[in-house]
């Protein structure tokens, strides 16, 4: 979804909007799935990276600017445990039992008119 709002900084308000957010690339160089007896499934993703692209617009009492932005997130690690219980009719359901995520580096490039 698009984001917009304003924040108060120093001498005035900063009005911003971010739109057209899209995932440009996702890499999972290391991923594994294993079964945990009596519990479910363990998913481990290591050293993943993501690239997002978006439009941005910023306005203050002194200036306004807009442009495109690229966000590169790297060194992403995810460990998730999915529970897979059987109901009374032997149908399996899947639910997220636990999830841990960390990211290492975030690089943001802003391209605008100024």
PDB file of N, CA and C in Angstrom:
ATOM      1  N   UNK A   1       0.829  -1.203   0.000  1.00  0.00           N
ATOM      2  CA  UNK A   1       0.000   0.000   0.000  1.00  0.00           C
ATOM      3  C   UNK A   1       0.868   1.260   0.000  1.00  0.00           C
ATOM      4  N   UNK A   2       0.303   2.342  -0.475  1.00  0.00           N
ATOM      5  CA  UNK A   2       0.987   3.630  -0.460  1.00  0.00           C
ATOM      6  C   UNK A   2       1.040   4.160   0.966  1.00  0.00           C
ATOM      7  N   UNK A   3       2.040   4.989   1.240  1.00  0.00           N
ATOM      8  CA  UNK A   3       2.213   5.583   2.562  1.00  0.00           C
ATOM      9  C   UNK A   3       2.238   7.097   2.427  1.00  0.00           C
ATOM     10  N   UNK A   4       1.635   7.792   3.381  1.00  0.00           N
ATOM     11  CA  UNK A   4       1.721   9.248   3.394  1.00  0.00           C
ATOM     12  C   UNK A   4       1.492   9.748   4.808  1.00  0.00           C
ATOM     13  N   UNK A   5       1.960  10.964   5.060  1.00  0.00           N
ATOM     14  CA  UNK A   5       1.789  11.554   6.378  1.00  0.00           C
ATOM     15  C   UNK A   5       2.672  12.764   6.529  1.00  0.00           C
ATOM     16  N   UNK A   6       2.828  13.199   7.770  1.00  0.00           N
ATOM     17  CA  UNK A   6       3.742  14.304   8.028  1.00  0.00           C
ATOM     18  C   UNK A   6       4.374  14.131   9.395  1.00  0.00           C
ATOM     19  N   UNK A   7       5.568  14.670   9.508  1.00  0.00           N
ATOM     20  CA  UNK A   7       6.339  14.618  10.739  1.00  0.00           C
ATOM     21  C   UNK A   7       6.805  16.020  11.073  1.00  0.00           C
ATOM     22  N   UNK A   8       6.929  16.313  12.350  1.00  0.00           N
ATOM     23  CA  UNK A   8       7.416  17.612  12.785  1.00  0.00           C
ATOM     24  C   UNK A   8       8.919  17.507  13.026  1.00  0.00           C
ATOM     25  N   UNK A   9       9.687  18.319  12.297  1.00  0.00           N
ATOM     26  CA  UNK A   9      11.135  18.356  12.435  1.00  0.00           C
ATOM     27  C   UNK A   9      11.584  19.796  12.606  1.00  0.00           C
ATOM     28  N   UNK A  10      12.270  20.088  13.685  1.00  0.00           N
ATOM     29  CA  UNK A  10      12.890  21.396  13.881  1.00  0.00           C
ATOM     30  C   UNK A  10      11.947  22.566  13.668  1.00  0.00           C
ATOM     31  N   UNK A  11      12.095  23.230  12.527  1.00  0.00           N
ATOM     32  CA  UNK A  11      11.371  24.465  12.259  1.00  0.00           C
ATOM     33  C   UNK A  11      10.004  24.285  11.613  1.00  0.00           C
ATOM     34  N   UNK A  12       9.614  23.074  11.290  1.00  0.00           N
ATOM     35  CA  UNK A  12       8.321  22.917  10.637  1.00  0.00           C
ATOM     36  C   UNK A  12       7.967  21.477  10.361  1.00  0.00           C
ATOM     37  N   UNK A  13       6.872  21.308   9.645  1.00  0.00           N
ATOM     38  CA  UNK A  13       6.396  19.978   9.298  1.00  0.00           C
ATOM     39  C   UNK A  13       6.975  19.528   7.963  1.00  0.00           C
ATOM     40  N   UNK A  14       7.173  18.230   7.861  1.00  0.00           N
ATOM     41  CA  UNK A  14       7.600  17.610   6.614  1.00  0.00           C
ATOM     42  C   UNK A  14       6.464  16.685   6.174  1.00  0.00           C
ATOM     43  N   UNK A  15       5.884  16.988   5.022  1.00  0.00           N
ATOM     44  CA  UNK A  15       4.825  16.159   4.468  1.00  0.00           C
ATOM     45  C   UNK A  15       5.460  15.226   3.439  1.00  0.00           C
ATOM     46  N   UNK A  16       5.107  13.937   3.504  1.00  0.00           N
ATOM     47  CA  UNK A  16       5.725  12.966   2.613  1.00  0.00           C
ATOM     48  C   UNK A  16       4.675  12.010   2.062  1.00  0.00           C
ATOM     49  N   UNK A  17       5.017  11.413   0.932  1.00  0.00           N
ATOM     50  CA  UNK A  17       4.211  10.316   0.392  1.00  0.00           C
ATOM     51  C   UNK A  17       5.135   9.352  -0.348  1.00  0.00           C
ATOM     52  N   UNK A  18       4.821   8.091  -0.235  1.00  0.00           N
ATOM     53  CA  UNK A  18       5.551   7.027  -0.923  1.00  0.00           C
ATOM     54  C   UNK A  18       4.505   6.203  -1.653  1.00  0.00           C
ATOM     55  N   UNK A  19       4.696   6.024  -2.957  1.00  0.00           N
ATOM     56  CA  UNK A  19       3.695   5.313  -3.752  1.00  0.00           C
ATOM     57  C   UNK A  19       4.370   4.405  -4.774  1.00  0.00           C
ATOM     58  N   UNK A  20       3.589   3.543  -5.357  1.00  0.00           N
ATOM     59  CA  UNK A  20       4.077   2.656  -6.406  1.00  0.00           C
ATOM     60  C   UNK A  20       5.152   1.702  -5.916  1.00  0.00           C
ATOM     61  N   UNK A  21       5.032   1.248  -4.673  1.00  0.00           N
ATOM     62  CA  UNK A  21       6.029   0.343  -4.115  1.00  0.00           C
ATOM     63  C   UNK A  21       5.925  -1.012  -4.821  1.00  0.00           C
ATOM     64  N   UNK A  22       7.068  -1.491  -5.298  1.00  0.00           N
ATOM     65  CA  UNK A  22       7.072  -2.803  -5.937  1.00  0.00           C
ATOM     66  C   UNK A  22       8.374  -3.528  -5.621  1.00  0.00           C
ATOM     67  N   UNK A  23       8.292  -4.837  -5.545  1.00  0.00           N
ATOM     68  CA  UNK A  23       9.468  -5.664  -5.324  1.00  0.00           C
ATOM     69  C   UNK A  23      10.111  -5.906  -6.677  1.00  0.00           C
ATOM     70  N   UNK A  24      11.351  -5.454  -6.827  1.00  0.00           N
ATOM     71  CA  UNK A  24      12.047  -5.594  -8.107  1.00  0.00           C
ATOM     72  C   UNK A  24      12.841  -6.895  -8.190  1.00  0.00           C
ATOM     73  N   UNK A  25      13.352  -7.371  -7.042  1.00  0.00           N
ATOM     74  CA  UNK A  25      14.144  -8.602  -7.055  1.00  0.00           C
ATOM     75  C   UNK A  25      14.185  -9.214  -5.663  1.00  0.00           C
ATOM     76  N   UNK A  26      14.236 -10.544  -5.615  1.00  0.00           N
ATOM     77  CA  UNK A  26      14.378 -11.296  -4.373  1.00  0.00           C
ATOM     78  C   UNK A  26      15.356 -12.429  -4.654  1.00  0.00           C
ATOM     79  N   UNK A  27      16.330 -12.612  -3.763  1.00  0.00           N
ATOM     80  CA  UNK A  27      17.281 -13.714  -3.914  1.00  0.00           C
ATOM     81  C   UNK A  27      17.351 -14.515  -2.627  1.00  0.00           C
ATOM     82  N   UNK A  28      17.259 -15.838  -2.759  1.00  0.00           N
ATOM     83  CA  UNK A  28      17.399 -16.768  -1.637  1.00  0.00           C
ATOM     84  C   UNK A  28      18.567 -17.705  -1.929  1.00  0.00           C
ATOM     85  N   UNK A  29      19.803 -17.258  -1.726  1.00  0.00           N
ATOM     86  CA  UNK A  29      20.936 -18.116  -2.065  1.00  0.00           C
ATOM     87  C   UNK A  29      21.069 -19.345  -1.169  1.00  0.00           C
ATOM     88  N   UNK A  30      20.492 -19.274   0.024  1.00  0.00           N
ATOM     89  CA  UNK A  30      20.574 -20.408   0.945  1.00  0.00           C
ATOM     90  C   UNK A  30      19.215 -20.584   1.603  1.00  0.00           C
ATOM     91  N   UNK A  31      18.529 -21.670   1.274  1.00  0.00           N
ATOM     92  CA  UNK A  31      17.220 -21.944   1.869  1.00  0.00           C
ATOM     93  C   UNK A  31      17.087 -23.437   2.093  1.00  0.00           C
ATOM     94  N   UNK A  32      16.457 -23.786   3.223  1.00  0.00           N
ATOM     95  CA  UNK A  32      16.238 -25.208   3.502  1.00  0.00           C
ATOM     96  C   UNK A  32      14.912 -25.406   4.218  1.00  0.00           C
ATOM     97  N   UNK A  33      14.334 -26.555   4.005  1.00  0.00           N
ATOM     98  CA  UNK A  33      13.094 -26.957   4.675  1.00  0.00           C
ATOM     99  C   UNK A  33      13.351 -28.316   5.303  1.00  0.00           C
ATOM    100  N   UNK A  34      12.971 -28.448   6.570  1.00  0.00           N
ATOM    101  CA  UNK A  34      13.126 -29.741   7.240  1.00  0.00           C
ATOM    102  C   UNK A  34      11.880 -30.044   8.064  1.00  0.00           C
ATOM    103  N   UNK A  35      11.633 -31.311   8.296  1.00  0.00           N
ATOM    104  CA  UNK A  35      10.494 -31.751   9.096  1.00  0.00           C
ATOM    105  C   UNK A  35      10.907 -31.844  10.562  1.00  0.00           C
ATOM    106  N   UNK A  36      10.027 -31.389  11.448  1.00  0.00           N
ATOM    107  CA  UNK A  36      10.234 -31.513  12.887  1.00  0.00           C
ATOM    108  C   UNK A  36       9.163 -32.483  13.386  1.00  0.00           C
ATOM    109  N   UNK A  37       9.543 -33.699  13.762  1.00  0.00           N
ATOM    110  CA  UNK A  37       8.552 -34.698  14.172  1.00  0.00           C
ATOM    111  C   UNK A  37       7.656 -34.187  15.307  1.00  0.00           C
ATOM    112  N   UNK A  38       6.357 -34.378  15.124  1.00  0.00           N
ATOM    113  CA  UNK A  38       5.381 -33.976  16.132  1.00  0.00           C
ATOM    114  C   UNK A  38       5.070 -32.492  16.169  1.00  0.00           C
ATOM    115  N   UNK A  39       5.754 -31.694  15.354  1.00  0.00           N
ATOM    116  CA  UNK A  39       5.546 -30.237  15.363  1.00  0.00           C
ATOM    117  C   UNK A  39       5.112 -29.723  14.003  1.00  0.00           C
ATOM    118  N   UNK A  40       5.960 -29.932  13.000  1.00  0.00           N
ATOM    119  CA  UNK A  40       5.642 -29.408  11.681  1.00  0.00           C
ATOM    120  C   UNK A  40       6.863 -29.246  10.800  1.00  0.00           C
ATOM    121  N   UNK A  41       7.028 -28.043  10.282  1.00  0.00           N
ATOM    122  CA  UNK A  41       8.050 -27.765   9.276  1.00  0.00           C
ATOM    123  C   UNK A  41       8.916 -26.600   9.744  1.00  0.00           C
ATOM    124  N   UNK A  42      10.215 -26.721   9.528  1.00  0.00           N
ATOM    125  CA  UNK A  42      11.143 -25.637   9.831  1.00  0.00           C
ATOM    126  C   UNK A  42      11.682 -25.103   8.509  1.00  0.00           C
ATOM    127  N   UNK A  43      11.559 -23.786   8.312  1.00  0.00           N
ATOM    128  CA  UNK A  43      12.048 -23.110   7.112  1.00  0.00           C
ATOM    129  C   UNK A  43      13.187 -22.187   7.526  1.00  0.00           C
ATOM    130  N   UNK A  44      14.335 -22.327   6.889  1.00  0.00           N
ATOM    131  CA  UNK A  44      15.487 -21.470   7.181  1.00  0.00           C
ATOM    132  C   UNK A  44      15.951 -20.834   5.875  1.00  0.00           C
ATOM    133  N   UNK A  45      16.014 -19.499   5.862  1.00  0.00           N
ATOM    134  CA  UNK A  45      16.507 -18.747   4.709  1.00  0.00           C
ATOM    135  C   UNK A  45      17.710 -17.956   5.187  1.00  0.00           C
ATOM    136  N   UNK A  46      18.831 -18.107   4.496  1.00  0.00           N
ATOM    137  CA  UNK A  46      20.049 -17.422   4.898  1.00  0.00           C
ATOM    138  C   UNK A  46      20.598 -16.520   3.825  1.00  0.00           C
ATOM    139  N   UNK A  47      21.063 -15.362   4.232  1.00  0.00           N
ATOM    140  CA  UNK A  47      21.742 -14.404   3.359  1.00  0.00           C
ATOM    141  C   UNK A  47      20.895 -13.988   2.151  1.00  0.00           C
ATOM    142  N   UNK A  48      19.614 -13.783   2.391  1.00  0.00           N
ATOM    143  CA  UNK A  48      18.716 -13.357   1.317  1.00  0.00           C
ATOM    144  C   UNK A  48      18.873 -11.854   1.062  1.00  0.00           C
ATOM    145  N   UNK A  49      18.381 -11.406  -0.073  1.00  0.00           N
ATOM    146  CA  UNK A  49      18.390  -9.974  -0.379  1.00  0.00           C
ATOM    147  C   UNK A  49      17.112  -9.606  -1.123  1.00  0.00           C
ATOM    148  N   UNK A  50      16.722  -8.332  -0.965  1.00  0.00           N
ATOM    149  CA  UNK A  50      15.499  -7.818  -1.598  1.00  0.00           C
ATOM    150  C   UNK A  50      15.782  -6.439  -2.173  1.00  0.00           C
ATOM    151  N   UNK A  51      15.162  -6.134  -3.290  1.00  0.00           N
ATOM    152  CA  UNK A  51      15.237  -4.790  -3.863  1.00  0.00           C
ATOM    153  C   UNK A  51      13.816  -4.287  -4.059  1.00  0.00           C
ATOM    154  N   UNK A  52      13.520  -3.117  -3.475  1.00  0.00           N
ATOM    155  CA  UNK A  52      12.229  -2.449  -3.618  1.00  0.00           C
ATOM    156  C   UNK A  52      12.439  -1.171  -4.409  1.00  0.00           C
ATOM    157  N   UNK A  53      11.476  -0.837  -5.255  1.00  0.00           N
ATOM    158  CA  UNK A  53      11.491   0.442  -5.967  1.00  0.00           C
ATOM    159  C   UNK A  53      10.193   1.176  -5.657  1.00  0.00           C
ATOM    160  N   UNK A  54      10.270   2.498  -5.613  1.00  0.00           N
ATOM    161  CA  UNK A  54       9.088   3.290  -5.259  1.00  0.00           C
ATOM    162  C   UNK A  54       9.239   4.731  -5.715  1.00  0.00           C
ATOM    163  N   UNK A  55       8.121   5.431  -5.750  1.00  0.00           N
ATOM    164  CA  UNK A  55       8.093   6.874  -5.988  1.00  0.00           C
ATOM    165  C   UNK A  55       8.005   7.563  -4.629  1.00  0.00           C
ATOM    166  N   UNK A  56       8.617   8.736  -4.506  1.00  0.00           N
ATOM    167  CA  UNK A  56       8.530   9.484  -3.254  1.00  0.00           C
ATOM    168  C   UNK A  56       8.295  10.958  -3.548  1.00  0.00           C
ATOM    169  N   UNK A  57       7.711  11.627  -2.567  1.00  0.00           N
ATOM    170  CA  UNK A  57       7.411  13.050  -2.669  1.00  0.00           C
ATOM    171  C   UNK A  57       7.551  13.634  -1.273  1.00  0.00           C
ATOM    172  N   UNK A  58       8.266  14.758  -1.168  1.00  0.00           N
ATOM    173  CA  UNK A  58       8.453  15.411   0.123  1.00  0.00           C
ATOM    174  C   UNK A  58       8.219  16.916  -0.035  1.00  0.00           C
ATOM    175  N   UNK A  59       7.596  17.507   0.996  1.00  0.00           N
ATOM    176  CA  UNK A  59       7.288  18.934   0.929  1.00  0.00           C
ATOM    177  C   UNK A  59       7.461  19.543   2.316  1.00  0.00           C
ATOM    178  N   UNK A  60       8.179  20.657   2.376  1.00  0.00           N
ATOM    179  CA  UNK A  60       8.315  21.442   3.606  1.00  0.00           C
ATOM    180  C   UNK A  60       7.983  22.885   3.280  1.00  0.00           C
ATOM    181  N   UNK A  61       8.050  23.750   4.268  1.00  0.00           N
ATOM    182  CA  UNK A  61       7.781  25.165   4.012  1.00  0.00           C
ATOM    183  C   UNK A  61       8.885  25.792   3.162  1.00  0.00           C
ATOM    184  N   UNK A  62      10.076  25.151   3.106  1.00  0.00           N
ATOM    185  CA  UNK A  62      11.206  25.706   2.346  1.00  0.00           C
ATOM    186  C   UNK A  62      11.331  25.143   0.932  1.00  0.00           C
ATOM    187  N   UNK A  63      11.005  23.876   0.747  1.00  0.00           N
ATOM    188  CA  UNK A  63      11.206  23.260  -0.562  1.00  0.00           C
ATOM    189  C   UNK A  63      10.276  22.070  -0.739  1.00  0.00           C
ATOM    190  N   UNK A  64      10.217  21.610  -1.998  1.00  0.00           N
ATOM    191  CA  UNK A  64       9.519  20.361  -2.306  1.00  0.00           C
ATOM    192  C   UNK A  64      10.360  19.605  -3.326  1.00  0.00           C
ATOM    193  N   UNK A  65      10.254  18.302  -3.282  1.00  0.00           N
ATOM    194  CA  UNK A  65      11.012  17.469  -4.213  1.00  0.00           C
ATOM    195  C   UNK A  65      10.292  16.138  -4.363  1.00  0.00           C
ATOM    196  N   UNK A  66      10.584  15.453  -5.449  1.00  0.00           N
ATOM    197  CA  UNK A  66      10.006  14.133  -5.690  1.00  0.00           C
ATOM    198  C   UNK A  66      10.946  13.352  -6.586  1.00  0.00           C
ATOM    199  N   UNK A  67      10.725  12.062  -6.658  1.00  0.00           N
ATOM    200  CA  UNK A  67      11.565  11.246  -7.514  1.00  0.00           C
ATOM    201  C   UNK A  67      11.310   9.768  -7.302  1.00  0.00           C
ATOM    202  N   UNK A  68      12.304   8.965  -7.682  1.00  0.00           N
ATOM    203  CA  UNK A  68      12.255   7.509  -7.526  1.00  0.00           C
ATOM    204  C   UNK A  68      13.271   7.105  -6.478  1.00  0.00           C
ATOM    205  N   UNK A  69      13.024   5.986  -5.842  1.00  0.00           N
ATOM    206  CA  UNK A  69      13.937   5.475  -4.832  1.00  0.00           C
ATOM    207  C   UNK A  69      14.111   3.976  -5.022  1.00  0.00           C
ATOM    208  N   UNK A  70      15.306   3.499  -4.714  1.00  0.00           N
ATOM    209  CA  UNK A  70      15.601   2.069  -4.708  1.00  0.00           C
ATOM    210  C   UNK A  70      16.129   1.713  -3.325  1.00  0.00           C
ATOM    211  N   UNK A  71      15.549   0.692  -2.727  1.00  0.00           N
ATOM    212  CA  UNK A  71      15.969   0.223  -1.407  1.00  0.00           C
ATOM    213  C   UNK A  71      16.506  -1.194  -1.569  1.00  0.00           C
ATOM    214  N   UNK A  72      17.753  -1.396  -1.143  1.00  0.00           N
ATOM    215  CA  UNK A  72      18.397  -2.700  -1.223  1.00  0.00           C
ATOM    216  C   UNK A  72      18.619  -3.205   0.199  1.00  0.00           C
ATOM    217  N   UNK A  73      18.011  -4.327   0.546  1.00  0.00           N
ATOM    218  CA  UNK A  73      18.157  -4.932   1.867  1.00  0.00           C
ATOM    219  C   UNK A  73      18.906  -6.243   1.676  1.00  0.00           C
ATOM    220  N   UNK A  74      20.032  -6.397   2.389  1.00  0.00           N
ATOM    221  CA  UNK A  74      20.833  -7.606   2.237  1.00  0.00           C
ATOM    222  C   UNK A  74      21.126  -8.234   3.595  1.00  0.00           C
ATOM    223  N   UNK A  75      21.696  -9.422   3.543  1.00  0.00           N
ATOM    224  CA  UNK A  75      22.021 -10.193   4.743  1.00  0.00           C
ATOM    225  C   UNK A  75      20.774 -10.448   5.587  1.00  0.00           C
ATOM    226  N   UNK A  76      19.696 -10.863   4.914  1.00  0.00           N
ATOM    227  CA  UNK A  76      18.435 -11.171   5.586  1.00  0.00           C
ATOM    228  C   UNK A  76      18.424 -12.653   5.959  1.00  0.00           C
ATOM    229  N   UNK A  77      18.126 -12.918   7.232  1.00  0.00           N
ATOM    230  CA  UNK A  77      18.054 -14.293   7.734  1.00  0.00           C
ATOM    231  C   UNK A  77      16.677 -14.515   8.348  1.00  0.00           C
ATOM    232  N   UNK A  78      16.030 -15.609   7.987  1.00  0.00           N
ATOM    233  CA  UNK A  78      14.681 -15.927   8.480  1.00  0.00           C
ATOM    234  C   UNK A  78      14.674 -17.377   8.955  1.00  0.00           C
ATOM    235  N   UNK A  79      14.137 -17.586  10.147  1.00  0.00           N
ATOM    236  CA  UNK A  79      13.862 -18.940  10.635  1.00  0.00           C
ATOM    237  C   UNK A  79      12.401 -18.971  11.046  1.00  0.00           C
ATOM    238  N   UNK A  80      11.627 -19.851  10.445  1.00  0.00           N
ATOM    239  CA  UNK A  80      10.193 -19.953  10.746  1.00  0.00           C
ATOM    240  C   UNK A  80       9.841 -21.407  11.054  1.00  0.00           C
ATOM    241  N   UNK A  81       8.987 -21.584  12.053  1.00  0.00           N
ATOM    242  CA  UNK A  81       8.456 -22.899  12.390  1.00  0.00           C
ATOM    243  C   UNK A  81       6.966 -22.885  12.046  1.00  0.00           C
ATOM    244  N   UNK A  82       6.555 -23.783  11.175  1.00  0.00           N
ATOM    245  CA  UNK A  82       5.153 -23.903  10.775  1.00  0.00           C
ATOM    246  C   UNK A  82       4.561 -25.133  11.460  1.00  0.00           C
ATOM    247  N   UNK A  83       3.499 -24.910  12.206  1.00  0.00           N
ATOM    248  CA  UNK A  83       2.800 -26.009  12.879  1.00  0.00           C
ATOM    249  C   UNK A  83       1.824 -26.637  11.889  1.00  0.00           C
ATOM    250  N   UNK A  84       1.761 -27.972  11.874  1.00  0.00           N
ATOM    251  CA  UNK A  84       0.885 -28.670  10.920  1.00  0.00           C
ATOM    252  C   UNK A  84       0.039 -29.733  11.635  1.00  0.00           C
ATOM    253  N   UNK A  85      -0.858 -29.290  12.515  1.00  0.00           N
ATOM    254  CA  UNK A  85      -1.680 -30.279  13.230  1.00  0.00           C
ATOM    255  C   UNK A  85      -2.782 -30.863  12.338  1.00  0.00           C
ATOM    256  N   UNK A  86      -3.258 -32.037  12.722  1.00  0.00           N
ATOM    257  CA  UNK A  86      -4.395 -32.671  12.052  1.00  0.00           C
ATOM    258  C   UNK A  86      -5.654 -32.396  12.869  1.00  0.00           C
ATOM    259  N   UNK A  87      -6.762 -32.101  12.176  1.00  0.00           N
ATOM    260  CA  UNK A  87      -8.020 -31.930  12.903  1.00  0.00           C
ATOM    261  C   UNK A  87      -8.703 -33.292  13.073  1.00  0.00           C
ATOM    262  N   UNK A  88      -9.914 -33.313  13.607  1.00  0.00           N
ATOM    263  CA  UNK A  88     -10.624 -34.562  13.892  1.00  0.00           C
ATOM    264  C   UNK A  88     -10.947 -35.370  12.630  1.00  0.00           C
ATOM    265  N   UNK A  89     -10.946 -34.719  11.474  1.00  0.00           N
ATOM    266  CA  UNK A  89     -11.226 -35.419  10.212  1.00  0.00           C
ATOM    267  C   UNK A  89      -9.936 -35.710   9.431  1.00  0.00           C
ATOM    268  N   UNK A  90      -8.796 -35.583  10.104  1.00  0.00           N
ATOM    269  CA  UNK A  90      -7.476 -35.859   9.514  1.00  0.00           C
ATOM    270  C   UNK A  90      -7.095 -34.872   8.414  1.00  0.00           C
ATOM    271  N   UNK A  91      -7.643 -33.644   8.463  1.00  0.00           N
ATOM    272  CA  UNK A  91      -7.234 -32.580   7.551  1.00  0.00           C
ATOM    273  C   UNK A  91      -6.106 -31.786   8.212  1.00  0.00           C
ATOM    274  N   UNK A  92      -5.105 -31.467   7.442  1.00  0.00           N
ATOM    275  CA  UNK A  92      -3.965 -30.707   7.958  1.00  0.00           C
ATOM    276  C   UNK A  92      -4.204 -29.212   7.788  1.00  0.00           C
ATOM    277  N   UNK A  93      -3.860 -28.477   8.809  1.00  0.00           N
ATOM    278  CA  UNK A  93      -3.858 -27.019   8.695  1.00  0.00           C
ATOM    279  C   UNK A  93      -2.435 -26.542   8.944  1.00  0.00           C
ATOM    280  N   UNK A  94      -2.118 -25.346   8.504  1.00  0.00           N
ATOM    281  CA  UNK A  94      -0.776 -24.789   8.687  1.00  0.00           C
ATOM    282  C   UNK A  94      -0.909 -23.447   9.383  1.00  0.00           C
ATOM    283  N   UNK A  95      -0.108 -23.261  10.436  1.00  0.00           N
ATOM    284  CA  UNK A  95      -0.074 -21.969  11.116  1.00  0.00           C
ATOM    285  C   UNK A  95       1.366 -21.653  11.504  1.00  0.00           C
ATOM    286  N   UNK A  96       1.659 -20.392  11.612  1.00  0.00           N
ATOM    287  CA  UNK A  96       2.998 -19.950  11.974  1.00  0.00           C
ATOM    288  C   UNK A  96       3.161 -20.054  13.482  1.00  0.00           C
ATOM    289  N   UNK A  97       4.048 -20.936  13.937  1.00  0.00           N
ATOM    290  CA  UNK A  97       4.275 -21.135  15.367  1.00  0.00           C
ATOM    291  C   UNK A  97       5.319 -20.157  15.897  1.00  0.00           C
ATOM    292  N   UNK A  98       6.350 -19.878  15.116  1.00  0.00           N
ATOM    293  CA  UNK A  98       7.362 -18.888  15.505  1.00  0.00           C
ATOM    294  C   UNK A  98       8.096 -18.395  14.272  1.00  0.00           C
ATOM    295  N   UNK A  99       8.649 -17.191  14.391  1.00  0.00           N
ATOM    296  CA  UNK A  99       9.385 -16.602  13.276  1.00  0.00           C
ATOM    297  C   UNK A  99      10.430 -15.641  13.830  1.00  0.00           C
ATOM    298  N   UNK A 100      11.636 -15.734  13.310  1.00  0.00           N
ATOM    299  CA  UNK A 100      12.709 -14.815  13.706  1.00  0.00           C
ATOM    300  C   UNK A 100      13.363 -14.314  12.423  1.00  0.00           C
ATOM    301  N   UNK A 101      13.476 -12.981  12.308  1.00  0.00           N
ATOM    302  CA  UNK A 101      14.053 -12.372  11.120  1.00  0.00           C
ATOM    303  C   UNK A 101      15.074 -11.319  11.530  1.00  0.00           C
ATOM    304  N   UNK A 102      16.212 -11.311  10.857  1.00  0.00           N
ATOM    305  CA  UNK A 102      17.196 -10.250  11.052  1.00  0.00           C
ATOM    306  C   UNK A 102      17.669  -9.786   9.682  1.00  0.00           C
ATOM    307  N   UNK A 103      18.071  -8.527   9.614  1.00  0.00           N
ATOM    308  CA  UNK A 103      18.646  -8.006   8.372  1.00  0.00           C
ATOM    309  C   UNK A 103      19.928  -7.270   8.708  1.00  0.00           C
ATOM    310  N   UNK A 104      20.864  -7.315   7.785  1.00  0.00           N
ATOM    311  CA  UNK A 104      22.168  -6.725   8.026  1.00  0.00           C
ATOM    312  C   UNK A 104      22.305  -5.325   7.487  1.00  0.00           C
ATOM    313  N   UNK A 105      22.236  -5.160   6.187  1.00  0.00           N
ATOM    314  CA  UNK A 105      22.488  -3.869   5.554  1.00  0.00           C
ATOM    315  C   UNK A 105      21.259  -3.378   4.802  1.00  0.00           C
ATOM    316  N   UNK A 106      21.057  -2.058   4.866  1.00  0.00           N
ATOM    317  CA  UNK A 106      19.998  -1.413   4.088  1.00  0.00           C
ATOM    318  C   UNK A 106      20.625  -0.227   3.372  1.00  0.00           C
ATOM    319  N   UNK A 107      20.509  -0.200   2.051  1.00  0.00           N
ATOM    320  CA  UNK A 107      21.053   0.871   1.221  1.00  0.00           C
ATOM    321  C   UNK A 107      19.879   1.548   0.525  1.00  0.00           C
ATOM    322  N   UNK A 108      19.737   2.870   0.717  1.00  0.00           N
ATOM    323  CA  UNK A 108      18.627   3.615   0.106  1.00  0.00           C
ATOM    324  C   UNK A 108      19.196   4.647  -0.853  1.00  0.00           C
ATOM    325  N   UNK A 109      18.753   4.599  -2.101  1.00  0.00           N
ATOM    326  CA  UNK A 109      19.162   5.579  -3.091  1.00  0.00           C
ATOM    327  C   UNK A 109      17.949   6.421  -3.480  1.00  0.00           C
ATOM    328  N   UNK A 110      18.070   7.735  -3.307  1.00  0.00           N
ATOM    329  CA  UNK A 110      17.013   8.665  -3.669  1.00  0.00           C
ATOM    330  C   UNK A 110      17.423   9.420  -4.927  1.00  0.00           C
ATOM    331  N   UNK A 111      16.597   9.365  -5.949  1.00  0.00           N
ATOM    332  CA  UNK A 111      16.838  10.123  -7.164  1.00  0.00           C
ATOM    333  C   UNK A 111      15.719  11.143  -7.289  1.00  0.00           C
ATOM    334  N   UNK A 112      16.085  12.410  -7.233  1.00  0.00           N
ATOM    335  CA  UNK A 112      15.078  13.456  -7.312  1.00  0.00           C
ATOM    336  C   UNK A 112      15.551  14.624  -8.144  1.00  0.00           C
ATOM    337  N   UNK A 113      14.772  15.682  -8.143  1.00  0.00           N
ATOM    338  CA  UNK A 113      15.083  16.847  -8.932  1.00  0.00           C
ATOM    339  C   UNK A 113      16.165  17.711  -8.281  1.00  0.00           C
ATOM    340  N   UNK A 114      16.223  17.717  -6.948  1.00  0.00           N
ATOM    341  CA  UNK A 114      17.198  18.564  -6.248  1.00  0.00           C
ATOM    342  C   UNK A 114      18.561  17.922  -6.181  1.00  0.00           C
TER     343      UNK A 114
END
